[in-house]
Amino acid sequence: MKNFASKIFKYRSYSPLPFLLLMVYFQVATVSSMIIGFLIALIGEFFRLWGVSHAGSETRTTDGVGGTFLVVSGAFAYVRNPLYLGNMLMYLGIGIMSMALFPYLQIIALV
């Protein structure tokens, strides 16, 4: 089980690919969905940038889970993991932009 979890952690950057393929194939975007989705994705990117600016290089590893110290400043003072929150908001925003399989694909983005 530990081996499987390590593999998933190592390749976590590729997890959005199936999500993106579904959005491209089933998209029915409108102007309002593009604007609302873009704003939500932008908020998500803000959380990621704010988190990374305080966490430094602790968040840029695929070698293993765990860091050398606990980050408690910036966004980490308010949210346990602002990078994951940012990812979820970006996926949700992109899902709303495409309006693909609404609302099912957007709900999956939040899981």
PDB file of N, CA and C in Angstrom:
ATOM      1  N   MET A   1       0.818  -1.197   0.000  1.00  0.00           N
ATOM      2  CA  MET A   1       0.000   0.000   0.000  1.00  0.00           C
ATOM      3  C   MET A   1       0.863   1.263   0.000  1.00  0.00           C
ATOM      4  N   LYS A   2       1.948   1.231   0.751  1.00  0.00           N
ATOM      5  CA  LYS A   2       2.833   2.391   0.810  1.00  0.00           C
ATOM      6  C   LYS A   2       3.443   2.666  -0.565  1.00  0.00           C
ATOM      7  N   ASN A   3       3.773   1.609  -1.290  1.00  0.00           N
ATOM      8  CA  ASN A   3       4.341   1.750  -2.618  1.00  0.00           C
ATOM      9  C   ASN A   3       3.352   2.442  -3.560  1.00  0.00           C
ATOM     10  N   PHE A   4       2.075   2.032  -3.493  1.00  0.00           N
ATOM     11  CA  PHE A   4       1.035   2.633  -4.328  1.00  0.00           C
ATOM     12  C   PHE A   4       0.868   4.116  -3.996  1.00  0.00           C
ATOM     13  N   ALA A   5       0.825   4.437  -2.714  1.00  0.00           N
ATOM     14  CA  ALA A   5       0.674   5.830  -2.282  1.00  0.00           C
ATOM     15  C   ALA A   5       1.863   6.673  -2.740  1.00  0.00           C
ATOM     16  N   SER A   6       3.054   6.119  -2.707  1.00  0.00           N
ATOM     17  CA  SER A   6       4.245   6.839  -3.161  1.00  0.00           C
ATOM     18  C   SER A   6       4.169   7.130  -4.653  1.00  0.00           C
ATOM     19  N   LYS A   7       3.678   6.169  -5.430  1.00  0.00           N
ATOM     20  CA  LYS A   7       3.532   6.364  -6.884  1.00  0.00           C
ATOM     21  C   LYS A   7       2.509   7.462  -7.175  1.00  0.00           C
ATOM     22  N   ILE A   8       1.375   7.412  -6.486  1.00  0.00           N
ATOM     23  CA  ILE A   8       0.339   8.428  -6.680  1.00  0.00           C
ATOM     24  C   ILE A   8       0.890   9.812  -6.338  1.00  0.00           C
ATOM     25  N   PHE A   9       1.622   9.912  -5.243  1.00  0.00           N
ATOM     26  CA  PHE A   9       2.198  11.194  -4.834  1.00  0.00           C
ATOM     27  C   PHE A   9       3.199  11.686  -5.872  1.00  0.00           C
ATOM     28  N   LYS A  10       4.018  10.797  -6.374  1.00  0.00           N
ATOM     29  CA  LYS A  10       5.057  11.180  -7.323  1.00  0.00           C
ATOM     30  C   LYS A  10       4.468  11.716  -8.629  1.00  0.00           C
ATOM     31  N   TYR A  11       3.368  11.116  -9.087  1.00  0.00           N
ATOM     32  CA  TYR A  11       2.773  11.500 -10.369  1.00  0.00           C
ATOM     33  C   TYR A  11       1.507  12.343 -10.203  1.00  0.00           C
ATOM     34  N   ARG A  12       1.366  13.029  -9.084  1.00  0.00           N
ATOM     35  CA  ARG A  12       0.157  13.812  -8.811  1.00  0.00           C
ATOM     36  C   ARG A  12      -0.035  14.966  -9.790  1.00  0.00           C
ATOM     37  N   SER A  13       1.013  15.394 -10.440  1.00  0.00           N
ATOM     38  CA  SER A  13       0.905  16.497 -11.399  1.00  0.00           C
ATOM     39  C   SER A  13       0.071  16.119 -12.618  1.00  0.00           C
ATOM     40  N   TYR A  14      -0.055  14.819 -12.881  1.00  0.00           N
ATOM     41  CA  TYR A  14      -0.798  14.361 -14.053  1.00  0.00           C
ATOM     42  C   TYR A  14      -2.263  14.080 -13.755  1.00  0.00           C
ATOM     43  N   SER A  15      -2.690  14.220 -12.513  1.00  0.00           N
ATOM     44  CA  SER A  15      -4.074  13.904 -12.150  1.00  0.00           C
ATOM     45  C   SER A  15      -5.122  14.761 -12.865  1.00  0.00           C
ATOM     46  N   PRO A  16      -4.843  15.999 -13.259  1.00  0.00           N
ATOM     47  CA  PRO A  16      -5.880  16.775 -13.951  1.00  0.00           C
ATOM     48  C   PRO A  16      -6.106  16.378 -15.410  1.00  0.00           C
ATOM     49  N   LEU A  17      -5.233  15.575 -15.996  1.00  0.00           N
ATOM     50  CA  LEU A  17      -5.346  15.291 -17.424  1.00  0.00           C
ATOM     51  C   LEU A  17      -6.676  14.659 -17.832  1.00  0.00           C
ATOM     52  N   PRO A  18      -7.172  13.616 -17.159  1.00  0.00           N
ATOM     53  CA  PRO A  18      -8.482  13.079 -17.560  1.00  0.00           C
ATOM     54  C   PRO A  18      -9.591  14.122 -17.416  1.00  0.00           C
ATOM     55  N   PHE A  19      -9.509  14.915 -16.373  1.00  0.00           N
ATOM     56  CA  PHE A  19     -10.464  15.996 -16.133  1.00  0.00           C
ATOM     57  C   PHE A  19     -10.463  16.977 -17.313  1.00  0.00           C
ATOM     58  N   LEU A  20      -9.292  17.377 -17.758  1.00  0.00           N
ATOM     59  CA  LEU A  20      -9.172  18.330 -18.863  1.00  0.00           C
ATOM     60  C   LEU A  20      -9.668  17.741 -20.176  1.00  0.00           C
ATOM     61  N   LEU A  21      -9.382  16.467 -20.431  1.00  0.00           N
ATOM     62  CA  LEU A  21      -9.859  15.821 -21.654  1.00  0.00           C
ATOM     63  C   LEU A  21     -11.383  15.775 -21.702  1.00  0.00           C
ATOM     64  N   LEU A  22     -12.016  15.447 -20.584  1.00  0.00           N
ATOM     65  CA  LEU A  22     -13.481  15.446 -20.523  1.00  0.00           C
ATOM     66  C   LEU A  22     -14.041  16.843 -20.773  1.00  0.00           C
ATOM     67  N   MET A  23     -13.393  17.855 -20.229  1.00  0.00           N
ATOM     68  CA  MET A  23     -13.870  19.222 -20.418  1.00  0.00           C
ATOM     69  C   MET A  23     -13.780  19.655 -21.873  1.00  0.00           C
ATOM     70  N   VAL A  24     -12.712  19.291 -22.543  1.00  0.00           N
ATOM     71  CA  VAL A  24     -12.560  19.669 -23.946  1.00  0.00           C
ATOM     72  C   VAL A  24     -13.619  18.967 -24.799  1.00  0.00           C
ATOM     73  N   TYR A  25     -13.847  17.702 -24.535  1.00  0.00           N
ATOM     74  CA  TYR A  25     -14.779  16.913 -25.344  1.00  0.00           C
ATOM     75  C   TYR A  25     -16.234  17.339 -25.138  1.00  0.00           C
ATOM     76  N   PHE A  26     -16.632  17.620 -23.901  1.00  0.00           N
ATOM     77  CA  PHE A  26     -18.032  17.898 -23.581  1.00  0.00           C
ATOM     78  C   PHE A  26     -18.335  19.385 -23.342  1.00  0.00           C
ATOM     79  N   GLN A  27     -17.449  20.279 -23.718  1.00  0.00           N
ATOM     80  CA  GLN A  27     -17.621  21.691 -23.384  1.00  0.00           C
ATOM     81  C   GLN A  27     -18.833  22.307 -24.082  1.00  0.00           C
ATOM     82  N   VAL A  28     -19.539  23.156 -23.349  1.00  0.00           N
ATOM     83  CA  VAL A  28     -20.653  23.969 -23.861  1.00  0.00           C
ATOM     84  C   VAL A  28     -20.549  25.357 -23.214  1.00  0.00           C
ATOM     85  N   ALA A  29     -19.423  25.972 -23.382  1.00  0.00           N
ATOM     86  CA  ALA A  29     -19.108  27.232 -22.703  1.00  0.00           C
ATOM     87  C   ALA A  29     -19.989  28.377 -23.190  1.00  0.00           C
ATOM     88  N   THR A  30     -20.259  29.292 -22.275  1.00  0.00           N
ATOM     89  CA  THR A  30     -20.944  30.544 -22.585  1.00  0.00           C
ATOM     90  C   THR A  30     -20.058  31.686 -22.099  1.00  0.00           C
ATOM     91  N   VAL A  31     -20.407  32.889 -22.481  1.00  0.00           N
ATOM     92  CA  VAL A  31     -19.610  34.041 -22.051  1.00  0.00           C
ATOM     93  C   VAL A  31     -19.644  34.163 -20.527  1.00  0.00           C
ATOM     94  N   SER A  32     -20.829  34.009 -19.943  1.00  0.00           N
ATOM     95  CA  SER A  32     -20.922  34.146 -18.483  1.00  0.00           C
ATOM     96  C   SER A  32     -20.183  33.018 -17.762  1.00  0.00           C
ATOM     97  N   SER A  33     -20.236  31.789 -18.301  1.00  0.00           N
ATOM     98  CA  SER A  33     -19.499  30.692 -17.657  1.00  0.00           C
ATOM     99  C   SER A  33     -17.996  30.922 -17.754  1.00  0.00           C
ATOM    100  N   MET A  34     -17.552  31.507 -18.851  1.00  0.00           N
ATOM    101  CA  MET A  34     -16.122  31.801 -19.002  1.00  0.00           C
ATOM    102  C   MET A  34     -15.670  32.852 -17.983  1.00  0.00           C
ATOM    103  N   ILE A  35     -16.463  33.879 -17.793  1.00  0.00           N
ATOM    104  CA  ILE A  35     -16.091  34.946 -16.853  1.00  0.00           C
ATOM    105  C   ILE A  35     -16.102  34.435 -15.416  1.00  0.00           C
ATOM    106  N   ILE A  36     -17.185  33.769 -15.018  1.00  0.00           N
ATOM    107  CA  ILE A  36     -17.293  33.259 -13.644  1.00  0.00           C
ATOM    108  C   ILE A  36     -16.208  32.222 -13.371  1.00  0.00           C
ATOM    109  N   GLY A  37     -16.028  31.293 -14.301  1.00  0.00           N
ATOM    110  CA  GLY A  37     -15.005  30.264 -14.131  1.00  0.00           C
ATOM    111  C   GLY A  37     -13.607  30.841 -14.054  1.00  0.00           C
ATOM    112  N   PHE A  38     -13.337  31.845 -14.884  1.00  0.00           N
ATOM    113  CA  PHE A  38     -12.022  32.476 -14.865  1.00  0.00           C
ATOM    114  C   PHE A  38     -11.751  33.138 -13.519  1.00  0.00           C
ATOM    115  N   LEU A  39     -12.750  33.818 -12.970  1.00  0.00           N
ATOM    116  CA  LEU A  39     -12.568  34.484 -11.676  1.00  0.00           C
ATOM    117  C   LEU A  39     -12.318  33.470 -10.557  1.00  0.00           C
ATOM    118  N   ILE A  40     -13.032  32.347 -10.575  1.00  0.00           N
ATOM    119  CA  ILE A  40     -12.820  31.303  -9.562  1.00  0.00           C
ATOM    120  C   ILE A  40     -11.428  30.696  -9.716  1.00  0.00           C
ATOM    121  N   ALA A  41     -11.015  30.426 -10.960  1.00  0.00           N
ATOM    122  CA  ALA A  41      -9.673  29.878 -11.198  1.00  0.00           C
ATOM    123  C   ALA A  41      -8.598  30.877 -10.775  1.00  0.00           C
ATOM    124  N   LEU A  42      -8.851  32.151 -10.986  1.00  0.00           N
ATOM    125  CA  LEU A  42      -7.900  33.191 -10.585  1.00  0.00           C
ATOM    126  C   LEU A  42      -7.753  33.244  -9.062  1.00  0.00           C
ATOM    127  N   ILE A  43      -8.848  33.102  -8.341  1.00  0.00           N
ATOM    128  CA  ILE A  43      -8.787  33.043  -6.875  1.00  0.00           C
ATOM    129  C   ILE A  43      -7.973  31.824  -6.441  1.00  0.00           C
ATOM    130  N   GLY A  44      -8.169  30.692  -7.127  1.00  0.00           N
ATOM    131  CA  GLY A  44      -7.393  29.491  -6.828  1.00  0.00           C
ATOM    132  C   GLY A  44      -5.908  29.696  -7.057  1.00  0.00           C
ATOM    133  N   GLU A  45      -5.572  30.360  -8.143  1.00  0.00           N
ATOM    134  CA  GLU A  45      -4.156  30.637  -8.425  1.00  0.00           C
ATOM    135  C   GLU A  45      -3.579  31.581  -7.373  1.00  0.00           C
ATOM    136  N   PHE A  46      -4.368  32.534  -6.921  1.00  0.00           N
ATOM    137  CA  PHE A  46      -3.931  33.435  -5.856  1.00  0.00           C
ATOM    138  C   PHE A  46      -3.580  32.647  -4.591  1.00  0.00           C
ATOM    139  N   PHE A  47      -4.449  31.693  -4.193  1.00  0.00           N
ATOM    140  CA  PHE A  47      -4.169  30.877  -3.012  1.00  0.00           C
ATOM    141  C   PHE A  47      -2.881  30.081  -3.191  1.00  0.00           C
ATOM    142  N   ARG A  48      -2.679  29.518  -4.375  1.00  0.00           N
ATOM    143  CA  ARG A  48      -1.455  28.745  -4.618  1.00  0.00           C
ATOM    144  C   ARG A  48      -0.221  29.636  -4.512  1.00  0.00           C
ATOM    145  N   LEU A  49      -0.263  30.784  -5.158  1.00  0.00           N
ATOM    146  CA  LEU A  49       0.894  31.687  -5.118  1.00  0.00           C
ATOM    147  C   LEU A  49       1.172  32.185  -3.708  1.00  0.00           C
ATOM    148  N   TRP A  50       0.127  32.509  -2.972  1.00  0.00           N
ATOM    149  CA  TRP A  50       0.282  32.963  -1.592  1.00  0.00           C
ATOM    150  C   TRP A  50       0.883  31.854  -0.741  1.00  0.00           C
ATOM    151  N   GLY A  51       0.415  30.635  -0.920  1.00  0.00           N
ATOM    152  CA  GLY A  51       0.945  29.504  -0.165  1.00  0.00           C
ATOM    153  C   GLY A  51       2.393  29.200  -0.507  1.00  0.00           C
ATOM    154  N   VAL A  52       2.710  29.172  -1.798  1.00  0.00           N
ATOM    155  CA  VAL A  52       4.081  28.867  -2.228  1.00  0.00           C
ATOM    156  C   VAL A  52       5.041  29.959  -1.775  1.00  0.00           C
ATOM    157  N   SER A  53       4.578  31.203  -1.748  1.00  0.00           N
ATOM    158  CA  SER A  53       5.476  32.282  -1.324  1.00  0.00           C
ATOM    159  C   SER A  53       5.880  32.140   0.143  1.00  0.00           C
ATOM    160  N   HIS A  54       5.070  31.471   0.940  1.00  0.00           N
ATOM    161  CA  HIS A  54       5.412  31.263   2.355  1.00  0.00           C
ATOM    162  C   HIS A  54       6.051  29.899   2.609  1.00  0.00           C
ATOM    163  N   ALA A  55       5.727  28.918   1.780  1.00  0.00           N
ATOM    164  CA  ALA A  55       6.253  27.568   2.008  1.00  0.00           C
ATOM    165  C   ALA A  55       7.639  27.379   1.409  1.00  0.00           C
ATOM    166  N   GLY A  56       7.962  28.136   0.393  1.00  0.00           N
ATOM    167  CA  GLY A  56       9.268  27.996  -0.241  1.00  0.00           C
ATOM    168  C   GLY A  56       9.438  26.657  -0.928  1.00  0.00           C
ATOM    169  N   SER A  57      10.614  26.091  -0.833  1.00  0.00           N
ATOM    170  CA  SER A  57      10.927  24.846  -1.542  1.00  0.00           C
ATOM    171  C   SER A  57      10.316  23.612  -0.890  1.00  0.00           C
ATOM    172  N   GLU A  58       9.699  23.745   0.276  1.00  0.00           N
ATOM    173  CA  GLU A  58       9.079  22.595   0.951  1.00  0.00           C
ATOM    174  C   GLU A  58       7.973  21.973   0.107  1.00  0.00           C
ATOM    175  N   THR A  59       7.361  22.752  -0.789  1.00  0.00           N
ATOM    176  CA  THR A  59       6.227  22.255  -1.572  1.00  0.00           C
ATOM    177  C   THR A  59       6.630  21.775  -2.958  1.00  0.00           C
ATOM    178  N   ARG A  60       7.884  21.810  -3.279  1.00  0.00           N
ATOM    179  CA  ARG A  60       8.313  21.498  -4.641  1.00  0.00           C
ATOM    180  C   ARG A  60       9.039  20.165  -4.746  1.00  0.00           C
ATOM    181  N   THR A  61       8.586  19.174  -4.043  1.00  0.00           N
ATOM    182  CA  THR A  61       9.261  17.887  -4.089  1.00  0.00           C
ATOM    183  C   THR A  61       8.299  16.787  -4.508  1.00  0.00           C
ATOM    184  N   THR A  62       8.818  15.819  -5.235  1.00  0.00           N
ATOM    185  CA  THR A  62       8.047  14.616  -5.555  1.00  0.00           C
ATOM    186  C   THR A  62       8.747  13.388  -4.993  1.00  0.00           C
ATOM    187  N   ASP A  63       9.791  13.606  -4.192  1.00  0.00           N
ATOM    188  CA  ASP A  63      10.551  12.483  -3.636  1.00  0.00           C
ATOM    189  C   ASP A  63       9.785  11.741  -2.561  1.00  0.00           C
ATOM    190  N   GLY A  64       9.101  12.454  -1.707  1.00  0.00           N
ATOM    191  CA  GLY A  64       8.381  11.797  -0.625  1.00  0.00           C
ATOM    192  C   GLY A  64       7.469  12.759   0.097  1.00  0.00           C
ATOM    193  N   VAL A  65       6.570  12.201   0.857  1.00  0.00           N
ATOM    194  CA  VAL A  65       5.616  13.003   1.610  1.00  0.00           C
ATOM    195  C   VAL A  65       6.277  13.512   2.883  1.00  0.00           C
ATOM    196  N   GLY A  66       5.966  14.738   3.250  1.00  0.00           N
ATOM    197  CA  GLY A  66       6.492  15.286   4.504  1.00  0.00           C
ATOM    198  C   GLY A  66       7.556  16.329   4.256  1.00  0.00           C
ATOM    199  N   GLY A  67       7.589  17.304   5.122  1.00  0.00           N
ATOM    200  CA  GLY A  67       8.570  18.370   5.018  1.00  0.00           C
ATOM    201  C   GLY A  67       9.469  18.387   6.229  1.00  0.00           C
ATOM    202  N   THR A  68      10.414  19.307   6.216  1.00  0.00           N
ATOM    203  CA  THR A  68      11.356  19.404   7.329  1.00  0.00           C
ATOM    204  C   THR A  68      10.857  20.334   8.428  1.00  0.00           C
ATOM    205  N   PHE A  69       9.867  21.178   8.107  1.00  0.00           N
ATOM    206  CA  PHE A  69       9.308  22.068   9.128  1.00  0.00           C
ATOM    207  C   PHE A  69       7.852  22.371   8.782  1.00  0.00           C
ATOM    208  N   LEU A  70       7.120  22.848   9.767  1.00  0.00           N
ATOM    209  CA  LEU A  70       5.710  23.181   9.611  1.00  0.00           C
ATOM    210  C   LEU A  70       5.578  24.659   9.268  1.00  0.00           C
ATOM    211  N   VAL A  71       4.916  24.947   8.159  1.00  0.00           N
ATOM    212  CA  VAL A  71       4.699  26.328   7.738  1.00  0.00           C
ATOM    213  C   VAL A  71       3.403  26.823   8.382  1.00  0.00           C
ATOM    214  N   VAL A  72       3.489  27.917   9.124  1.00  0.00           N
ATOM    215  CA  VAL A  72       2.313  28.448   9.826  1.00  0.00           C
ATOM    216  C   VAL A  72       2.071  29.929   9.511  1.00  0.00           C
ATOM    217  N   SER A  73       2.724  30.453   8.492  1.00  0.00           N
ATOM    218  CA  SER A  73       2.537  31.857   8.138  1.00  0.00           C
ATOM    219  C   SER A  73       1.768  31.964   6.824  1.00  0.00           C
ATOM    220  N   GLY A  74       1.363  33.174   6.493  1.00  0.00           N
ATOM    221  CA  GLY A  74       0.658  33.413   5.243  1.00  0.00           C
ATOM    222  C   GLY A  74      -0.662  32.666   5.184  1.00  0.00           C
ATOM    223  N   ALA A  75      -0.957  32.095   4.036  1.00  0.00           N
ATOM    224  CA  ALA A  75      -2.212  31.360   3.849  1.00  0.00           C
ATOM    225  C   ALA A  75      -2.291  30.144   4.758  1.00  0.00           C
ATOM    226  N   PHE A  76      -1.149  29.586   5.130  1.00  0.00           N
ATOM    227  CA  PHE A  76      -1.128  28.410   6.010  1.00  0.00           C
ATOM    228  C   PHE A  76      -1.649  28.740   7.409  1.00  0.00           C
ATOM    229  N   ALA A  77      -1.690  30.018   7.778  1.00  0.00           N
ATOM    230  CA  ALA A  77      -2.246  30.418   9.072  1.00  0.00           C
ATOM    231  C   ALA A  77      -3.769  30.323   9.078  1.00  0.00           C
ATOM    232  N   TYR A  78      -4.385  30.284   7.888  1.00  0.00           N
ATOM    233  CA  TYR A  78      -5.848  30.269   7.780  1.00  0.00           C
ATOM    234  C   TYR A  78      -6.403  28.963   7.223  1.00  0.00           C
ATOM    235  N   VAL A  79      -5.625  28.298   6.382  1.00  0.00           N
ATOM    236  CA  VAL A  79      -6.061  27.074   5.710  1.00  0.00           C
ATOM    237  C   VAL A  79      -4.973  26.030   5.891  1.00  0.00           C
ATOM    238  N   ARG A  80      -5.357  24.800   6.146  1.00  0.00           N
ATOM    239  CA  ARG A  80      -4.356  23.763   6.398  1.00  0.00           C
ATOM    240  C   ARG A  80      -3.443  23.550   5.192  1.00  0.00           C
ATOM    241  N   ASN A  81      -4.001  23.525   3.994  1.00  0.00           N
ATOM    242  CA  ASN A  81      -3.168  23.389   2.811  1.00  0.00           C
ATOM    243  C   ASN A  81      -3.711  24.271   1.689  1.00  0.00           C
ATOM    244  N   PRO A  82      -3.239  25.515   1.602  1.00  0.00           N
ATOM    245  CA  PRO A  82      -3.742  26.423   0.572  1.00  0.00           C
ATOM    246  C   PRO A  82      -3.394  25.983  -0.844  1.00  0.00           C
ATOM    247  N   LEU A  83      -2.366  25.156  -1.003  1.00  0.00           N
ATOM    248  CA  LEU A  83      -2.027  24.688  -2.342  1.00  0.00           C
ATOM    249  C   LEU A  83      -3.112  23.757  -2.866  1.00  0.00           C
ATOM    250  N   TYR A  84      -3.601  22.855  -2.023  1.00  0.00           N
ATOM    251  CA  TYR A  84      -4.686  21.967  -2.435  1.00  0.00           C
ATOM    252  C   TYR A  84      -5.980  22.743  -2.637  1.00  0.00           C
ATOM    253  N   LEU A  85      -6.261  23.702  -1.770  1.00  0.00           N
ATOM    254  CA  LEU A  85      -7.446  24.538  -1.942  1.00  0.00           C
ATOM    255  C   LEU A  85      -7.355  25.293  -3.266  1.00  0.00           C
ATOM    256  N   GLY A  86      -6.179  25.828  -3.562  1.00  0.00           N
ATOM    257  CA  GLY A  86      -5.972  26.526  -4.829  1.00  0.00           C
ATOM    258  C   GLY A  86      -6.190  25.617  -6.021  1.00  0.00           C
ATOM    259  N   ASN A  87      -5.664  24.387  -5.947  1.00  0.00           N
ATOM    260  CA  ASN A  87      -5.877  23.426  -7.032  1.00  0.00           C
ATOM    261  C   ASN A  87      -7.358  23.150  -7.234  1.00  0.00           C
ATOM    262  N   MET A  88      -8.068  22.903  -6.136  1.00  0.00           N
ATOM    263  CA  MET A  88      -9.496  22.603  -6.235  1.00  0.00           C
ATOM    264  C   MET A  88     -10.252  23.773  -6.862  1.00  0.00           C
ATOM    265  N   LEU A  89      -9.938  24.985  -6.459  1.00  0.00           N
ATOM    266  CA  LEU A  89     -10.614  26.149  -7.028  1.00  0.00           C
ATOM    267  C   LEU A  89     -10.263  26.336  -8.501  1.00  0.00           C
ATOM    268  N   MET A  90      -9.020  26.060  -8.874  1.00  0.00           N
ATOM    269  CA  MET A  90      -8.646  26.174 -10.282  1.00  0.00           C
ATOM    270  C   MET A  90      -9.370  25.127 -11.121  1.00  0.00           C
ATOM    271  N   TYR A  91      -9.432  23.878 -10.649  1.00  0.00           N
ATOM    272  CA  TYR A  91     -10.160  22.835 -11.376  1.00  0.00           C
ATOM    273  C   TYR A  91     -11.638  23.191 -11.474  1.00  0.00           C
ATOM    274  N   LEU A  92     -12.212  23.673 -10.376  1.00  0.00           N
ATOM    275  CA  LEU A  92     -13.620  24.068 -10.380  1.00  0.00           C
ATOM    276  C   LEU A  92     -13.846  25.210 -11.370  1.00  0.00           C
ATOM    277  N   GLY A  93     -12.980  26.207 -11.354  1.00  0.00           N
ATOM    278  CA  GLY A  93     -13.112  27.339 -12.270  1.00  0.00           C
ATOM    279  C   GLY A  93     -13.021  26.922 -13.721  1.00  0.00           C
ATOM    280  N   ILE A  94     -12.083  26.058 -14.035  1.00  0.00           N
ATOM    281  CA  ILE A  94     -11.948  25.585 -15.410  1.00  0.00           C
ATOM    282  C   ILE A  94     -13.157  24.738 -15.794  1.00  0.00           C
ATOM    283  N   GLY A  95     -13.655  23.951 -14.848  1.00  0.00           N
ATOM    284  CA  GLY A  95     -14.862  23.163 -15.109  1.00  0.00           C
ATOM    285  C   GLY A  95     -16.065  24.047 -15.377  1.00  0.00           C
ATOM    286  N   ILE A  96     -16.190  25.134 -14.632  1.00  0.00           N
ATOM    287  CA  ILE A  96     -17.291  26.074 -14.861  1.00  0.00           C
ATOM    288  C   ILE A  96     -17.095  26.799 -16.187  1.00  0.00           C
ATOM    289  N   MET A  97     -15.868  27.116 -16.539  1.00  0.00           N
ATOM    290  CA  MET A  97     -15.612  27.758 -17.829  1.00  0.00           C
ATOM    291  C   MET A  97     -16.109  26.883 -18.976  1.00  0.00           C
ATOM    292  N   SER A  98     -15.879  25.589 -18.899  1.00  0.00           N
ATOM    293  CA  SER A  98     -16.267  24.691 -19.991  1.00  0.00           C
ATOM    294  C   SER A  98     -17.734  24.287 -19.919  1.00  0.00           C
ATOM    295  N   MET A  99     -18.327  24.316 -18.703  1.00  0.00           N
ATOM    296  CA  MET A  99     -19.700  23.852 -18.456  1.00  0.00           C
ATOM    297  C   MET A  99     -19.902  22.406 -18.924  1.00  0.00           C
ATOM    298  N   ALA A 100     -18.837  21.646 -18.990  1.00  0.00           N
ATOM    299  CA  ALA A 100     -18.900  20.250 -19.434  1.00  0.00           C
ATOM    300  C   ALA A 100     -19.530  19.389 -18.353  1.00  0.00           C
ATOM    301  N   LEU A 101     -20.515  18.581 -18.742  1.00  0.00           N
ATOM    302  CA  LEU A 101     -21.183  17.633 -17.843  1.00  0.00           C
ATOM    303  C   LEU A 101     -21.640  18.303 -16.552  1.00  0.00           C
ATOM    304  N   PHE A 102     -22.129  19.522 -16.661  1.00  0.00           N
ATOM    305  CA  PHE A 102     -22.542  20.293 -15.487  1.00  0.00           C
ATOM    306  C   PHE A 102     -23.685  19.597 -14.771  1.00  0.00           C
ATOM    307  N   PRO A 103     -23.676  19.459 -13.471  1.00  0.00           N
ATOM    308  CA  PRO A 103     -22.720  19.884 -12.455  1.00  0.00           C
ATOM    309  C   PRO A 103     -21.773  18.778 -12.024  1.00  0.00           C
ATOM    310  N   TYR A 104     -21.814  17.620 -12.685  1.00  0.00           N
ATOM    311  CA  TYR A 104     -21.077  16.443 -12.209  1.00  0.00           C
ATOM    312  C   TYR A 104     -19.567  16.634 -12.250  1.00  0.00           C
ATOM    313  N   LEU A 105     -19.034  17.148 -13.337  1.00  0.00           N
ATOM    314  CA  LEU A 105     -17.586  17.345 -13.452  1.00  0.00           C
ATOM    315  C   LEU A 105     -17.098  18.393 -12.455  1.00  0.00           C
ATOM    316  N   GLN A 106     -17.897  19.404 -12.208  1.00  0.00           N
ATOM    317  CA  GLN A 106     -17.516  20.442 -11.264  1.00  0.00           C
ATOM    318  C   GLN A 106     -17.506  19.911  -9.830  1.00  0.00           C
ATOM    319  N   ILE A 107     -18.427  19.021  -9.514  1.00  0.00           N
ATOM    320  CA  ILE A 107     -18.444  18.403  -8.181  1.00  0.00           C
ATOM    321  C   ILE A 107     -17.214  17.526  -7.994  1.00  0.00           C
ATOM    322  N   ILE A 108     -16.822  16.796  -9.032  1.00  0.00           N
ATOM    323  CA  ILE A 108     -15.624  15.952  -8.958  1.00  0.00           C
ATOM    324  C   ILE A 108     -14.392  16.811  -8.682  1.00  0.00           C
ATOM    325  N   ALA A 109     -14.354  18.019  -9.216  1.00  0.00           N
ATOM    326  CA  ALA A 109     -13.211  18.912  -8.984  1.00  0.00           C
ATOM    327  C   ALA A 109     -13.048  19.232  -7.509  1.00  0.00           C
ATOM    328  N   LEU A 110     -14.136  19.199  -6.766  1.00  0.00           N
ATOM    329  CA  LEU A 110     -14.081  19.538  -5.344  1.00  0.00           C
ATOM    330  C   LEU A 110     -13.712  18.356  -4.467  1.00  0.00           C
ATOM    331  N   VAL A 111     -13.648  17.167  -5.039  1.00  0.00           N
ATOM    332  CA  VAL A 111     -13.350  15.968  -4.235  1.00  0.00           C
ATOM    333  C   VAL A 111     -11.868  15.737  -4.157  1.00  0.00           C
TER     334      VAL A 111
END
